[in-house]
Amino acid sequence: MPHFLVEGLRRHRIQQTRERLRLGPLFLDHRLVCPRPDGSPWNPDHLSSEFSKFIRRQDLPRIRFHDLRHTHATLMLRVNEHPKIVSERLGHSNVSITLDTYSHVLPTMQREAADKIDDLLGEKD
């Protein structure tokens, strides 16, 4: 995880510990990262619903919460992260799933690879 996220999660954990101590035995400790205020799990649709509201409030293009996963994978591939690393981050059972799913990113990567060979061999436009 990026360092800023690790630090954010540490701060969140401290706040969560304060809340758990404040509620005492009323806090239902399921060891969740983002529980409801009493520690219990959210309804699975809650995150998607809140994300949609956030998107509308911020006047951002409409996307589903799950689309963030695809955006992350696409961005990683576009910055030339090794497909195996991207595959592992996504939890795919093998890299071919990742490459098949994100093949739309590959044409740009193919051009960049060809340009690198040109540079390596001294060819110029």
C-alpha atoms as a PDB file:
ATOM      1  CA  MET A   1       0.000   0.000   0.000  1.00  0.00           C
ATOM      2  CA  PRO A   2       1.147   3.563  -0.543  1.00  0.00           C
ATOM      3  CA  HIS A   3       2.633   5.246   2.531  1.00  0.00           C
ATOM      4  CA  PHE A   4      -0.120   7.896   2.687  1.00  0.00           C
ATOM      5  CA  LEU A   5      -2.715   5.125   2.936  1.00  0.00           C
ATOM      6  CA  VAL A   6      -0.821   3.282   5.671  1.00  0.00           C
ATOM      7  CA  GLU A   7      -0.590   6.514   7.677  1.00  0.00           C
ATOM      8  CA  GLY A   8      -4.276   7.234   7.125  1.00  0.00           C
ATOM      9  CA  LEU A   9      -5.195   3.750   8.318  1.00  0.00           C
ATOM     10  CA  ARG A  10      -3.046   4.187  11.425  1.00  0.00           C
ATOM     11  CA  ARG A  11      -4.854   7.413  12.295  1.00  0.00           C
ATOM     12  CA  HIS A  12      -8.181   5.712  11.613  1.00  0.00           C
ATOM     13  CA  ARG A  13      -7.230   2.827  13.925  1.00  0.00           C
ATOM     14  CA  ILE A  14      -6.431   5.248  16.759  1.00  0.00           C
ATOM     15  CA  GLN A  15      -9.821   6.937  16.351  1.00  0.00           C
ATOM     16  CA  GLN A  16     -11.523   3.549  16.175  1.00  0.00           C
ATOM     17  CA  THR A  17      -9.807   2.452  19.407  1.00  0.00           C
ATOM     18  CA  ARG A  18     -11.033   5.621  21.145  1.00  0.00           C
ATOM     19  CA  GLU A  19     -14.573   4.898  19.971  1.00  0.00           C
ATOM     20  CA  ARG A  20     -14.352   1.262  21.101  1.00  0.00           C
ATOM     21  CA  LEU A  21     -13.179   2.361  24.568  1.00  0.00           C
ATOM     22  CA  ARG A  22     -15.928   5.003  24.761  1.00  0.00           C
ATOM     23  CA  LEU A  23     -18.658   2.453  23.951  1.00  0.00           C
ATOM     24  CA  GLY A  24     -17.171  -0.285  26.120  1.00  0.00           C
ATOM     25  CA  PRO A  25     -19.235  -3.491  26.006  1.00  0.00           C
ATOM     26  CA  LEU A  26     -21.729  -1.874  23.582  1.00  0.00           C
ATOM     27  CA  PHE A  27     -19.067  -1.960  20.850  1.00  0.00           C
ATOM     28  CA  LEU A  28     -19.419  -5.110  18.746  1.00  0.00           C
ATOM     29  CA  ASP A  29     -15.811  -5.875  17.868  1.00  0.00           C
ATOM     30  CA  HIS A  30     -15.775  -7.744  14.557  1.00  0.00           C
ATOM     31  CA  ARG A  31     -12.243  -6.464  13.854  1.00  0.00           C
ATOM     32  CA  LEU A  32     -13.474  -4.528  10.819  1.00  0.00           C
ATOM     33  CA  VAL A  33     -11.584  -1.621   9.266  1.00  0.00           C
ATOM     34  CA  CYS A  34     -14.730   0.386   8.504  1.00  0.00           C
ATOM     35  CA  PRO A  35     -17.566  -0.804  10.723  1.00  0.00           C
ATOM     36  CA  ARG A  36     -20.763   0.943  11.656  1.00  0.00           C
ATOM     37  CA  PRO A  37     -20.395   3.240  14.696  1.00  0.00           C
ATOM     38  CA  ASP A  38     -21.227   0.329  17.040  1.00  0.00           C
ATOM     39  CA  GLY A  39     -18.612  -1.941  15.418  1.00  0.00           C
ATOM     40  CA  SER A  40     -21.068  -4.075  13.462  1.00  0.00           C
ATOM     41  CA  PRO A  41     -20.734  -4.623   9.700  1.00  0.00           C
ATOM     42  CA  TRP A  42     -22.490  -2.410   7.181  1.00  0.00           C
ATOM     43  CA  ASN A  43     -25.030  -3.779   4.749  1.00  0.00           C
ATOM     44  CA  PRO A  44     -23.002  -4.583   1.582  1.00  0.00           C
ATOM     45  CA  ASP A  45     -25.037  -2.094  -0.468  1.00  0.00           C
ATOM     46  CA  HIS A  46     -24.225   0.762   1.916  1.00  0.00           C
ATOM     47  CA  LEU A  47     -20.743   1.456   0.507  1.00  0.00           C
ATOM     48  CA  SER A  48     -22.004   1.575  -3.072  1.00  0.00           C
ATOM     49  CA  SER A  49     -24.861   3.851  -2.074  1.00  0.00           C
ATOM     50  CA  GLU A  50     -22.606   6.251  -0.156  1.00  0.00           C
ATOM     51  CA  PHE A  51     -20.067   6.258  -2.983  1.00  0.00           C
ATOM     52  CA  SER A  52     -22.809   7.206  -5.477  1.00  0.00           C
ATOM     53  CA  LYS A  53     -23.878  10.080  -3.219  1.00  0.00           C
ATOM     54  CA  PHE A  54     -20.265  11.252  -2.933  1.00  0.00           C
ATOM     55  CA  ILE A  55     -19.849  11.180  -6.730  1.00  0.00           C
ATOM     56  CA  ARG A  56     -22.997  13.293  -7.188  1.00  0.00           C
ATOM     57  CA  ARG A  57     -22.008  15.799  -4.458  1.00  0.00           C
ATOM     58  CA  GLN A  58     -18.569  16.266  -5.999  1.00  0.00           C
ATOM     59  CA  ASP A  59     -20.027  16.554  -9.501  1.00  0.00           C
ATOM     60  CA  LEU A  60     -17.742  13.767 -10.743  1.00  0.00           C
ATOM     61  CA  PRO A  61     -18.426  11.445 -13.668  1.00  0.00           C
ATOM     62  CA  ARG A  62     -20.735   8.614 -12.622  1.00  0.00           C
ATOM     63  CA  ILE A  63     -18.907   5.380 -11.935  1.00  0.00           C
ATOM     64  CA  ARG A  64     -19.651   2.413  -9.725  1.00  0.00           C
ATOM     65  CA  PHE A  65     -17.547   1.777  -6.629  1.00  0.00           C
ATOM     66  CA  HIS A  66     -16.246  -1.422  -8.259  1.00  0.00           C
ATOM     67  CA  ASP A  67     -14.950   0.655 -11.186  1.00  0.00           C
ATOM     68  CA  LEU A  68     -12.233   1.978  -8.866  1.00  0.00           C
ATOM     69  CA  ARG A  69     -10.665  -1.491  -8.987  1.00  0.00           C
ATOM     70  CA  HIS A  70     -10.513  -1.354 -12.774  1.00  0.00           C
ATOM     71  CA  THR A  71      -9.149   2.175 -12.713  1.00  0.00           C
ATOM     72  CA  HIS A  72      -6.399   1.107 -10.329  1.00  0.00           C
ATOM     73  CA  ALA A  73      -5.395  -1.820 -12.554  1.00  0.00           C
ATOM     74  CA  THR A  74      -5.440   0.304 -15.693  1.00  0.00           C
ATOM     75  CA  LEU A  75      -3.326   3.040 -14.113  1.00  0.00           C
ATOM     76  CA  MET A  76      -0.806   0.519 -12.811  1.00  0.00           C
ATOM     77  CA  LEU A  77      -0.414  -1.013 -16.266  1.00  0.00           C
ATOM     78  CA  ARG A  78      -0.157   2.427 -17.890  1.00  0.00           C
ATOM     79  CA  VAL A  79       2.780   3.337 -15.658  1.00  0.00           C
ATOM     80  CA  ASN A  80       4.424   0.093 -16.764  1.00  0.00           C
ATOM     81  CA  GLU A  81       3.937  -1.851 -13.554  1.00  0.00           C
ATOM     82  CA  HIS A  82       4.651  -5.506 -14.264  1.00  0.00           C
ATOM     83  CA  PRO A  83       1.402  -7.346 -15.103  1.00  0.00           C
ATOM     84  CA  LYS A  84       2.237 -10.043 -12.553  1.00  0.00           C
ATOM     85  CA  ILE A  85       2.277  -7.435  -9.777  1.00  0.00           C
ATOM     86  CA  VAL A  86      -1.045  -5.999 -10.982  1.00  0.00           C
ATOM     87  CA  SER A  87      -2.492  -9.505 -11.136  1.00  0.00           C
ATOM     88  CA  GLU A  88      -1.425 -10.229  -7.554  1.00  0.00           C
ATOM     89  CA  ARG A  89      -2.884  -6.922  -6.310  1.00  0.00           C
ATOM     90  CA  LEU A  90      -6.202  -7.789  -7.938  1.00  0.00           C
ATOM     91  CA  GLY A  91      -6.173 -11.324  -6.544  1.00  0.00           C
ATOM     92  CA  HIS A  92      -6.354 -12.958  -9.958  1.00  0.00           C
ATOM     93  CA  SER A  93      -5.405 -16.633  -9.961  1.00  0.00           C
ATOM     94  CA  ASN A  94      -3.017 -16.063 -12.871  1.00  0.00           C
ATOM     95  CA  VAL A  95      -1.633 -13.194 -14.916  1.00  0.00           C
ATOM     96  CA  SER A  96      -3.472 -14.243 -18.084  1.00  0.00           C
ATOM     97  CA  ILE A  97      -6.774 -13.168 -16.491  1.00  0.00           C
ATOM     98  CA  THR A  98      -5.321  -9.721 -15.886  1.00  0.00           C
ATOM     99  CA  LEU A  99      -3.884  -9.450 -19.387  1.00  0.00           C
ATOM    100  CA  ASP A 100      -7.129 -10.626 -20.985  1.00  0.00           C
ATOM    101  CA  THR A 101      -9.225  -8.229 -18.900  1.00  0.00           C
ATOM    102  CA  TYR A 102      -7.007  -5.199 -19.399  1.00  0.00           C
ATOM    103  CA  SER A 103      -5.884  -5.772 -22.970  1.00  0.00           C
ATOM    104  CA  HIS A 104      -7.323  -2.348 -23.899  1.00  0.00           C
ATOM    105  CA  VAL A 105      -4.298  -0.821 -22.159  1.00  0.00           C
ATOM    106  CA  LEU A 106      -1.826  -2.851 -24.203  1.00  0.00           C
ATOM    107  CA  PRO A 107      -1.884  -0.951 -27.543  1.00  0.00           C
ATOM    108  CA  THR A 108      -0.360   2.114 -25.862  1.00  0.00           C
ATOM    109  CA  MET A 109       2.109  -0.120 -24.069  1.00  0.00           C
ATOM    110  CA  GLN A 110       3.043  -1.791 -27.372  1.00  0.00           C
ATOM    111  CA  ARG A 111       3.842   1.639 -28.918  1.00  0.00           C
ATOM    112  CA  GLU A 112       5.895   2.584 -25.869  1.00  0.00           C
ATOM    113  CA  ALA A 113       7.809  -0.717 -26.084  1.00  0.00           C
ATOM    114  CA  ALA A 114       8.561  -0.121 -29.766  1.00  0.00           C
ATOM    115  CA  ASP A 115       9.759   3.420 -28.954  1.00  0.00           C
ATOM    116  CA  LYS A 116      12.059   2.027 -26.266  1.00  0.00           C
ATOM    117  CA  ILE A 117      13.635  -0.363 -28.778  1.00  0.00           C
ATOM    118  CA  ASP A 118      14.091   2.534 -31.205  1.00  0.00           C
ATOM    119  CA  ASP A 119      15.828   4.512 -28.458  1.00  0.00           C
ATOM    120  CA  LEU A 120      17.970   1.562 -27.458  1.00  0.00           C
ATOM    121  CA  LEU A 121      19.114   0.891 -31.016  1.00  0.00           C
ATOM    122  CA  GLY A 122      19.653   4.546 -31.808  1.00  0.00           C
ATOM    123  CA  GLU A 123      16.766   4.974 -34.243  1.00  0.00           C
ATOM    124  CA  LYS A 124      15.178   8.422 -34.291  1.00  0.00           C
ATOM    125  CA  ASP A 125      12.039   9.792 -35.960  1.00  0.00           C
END
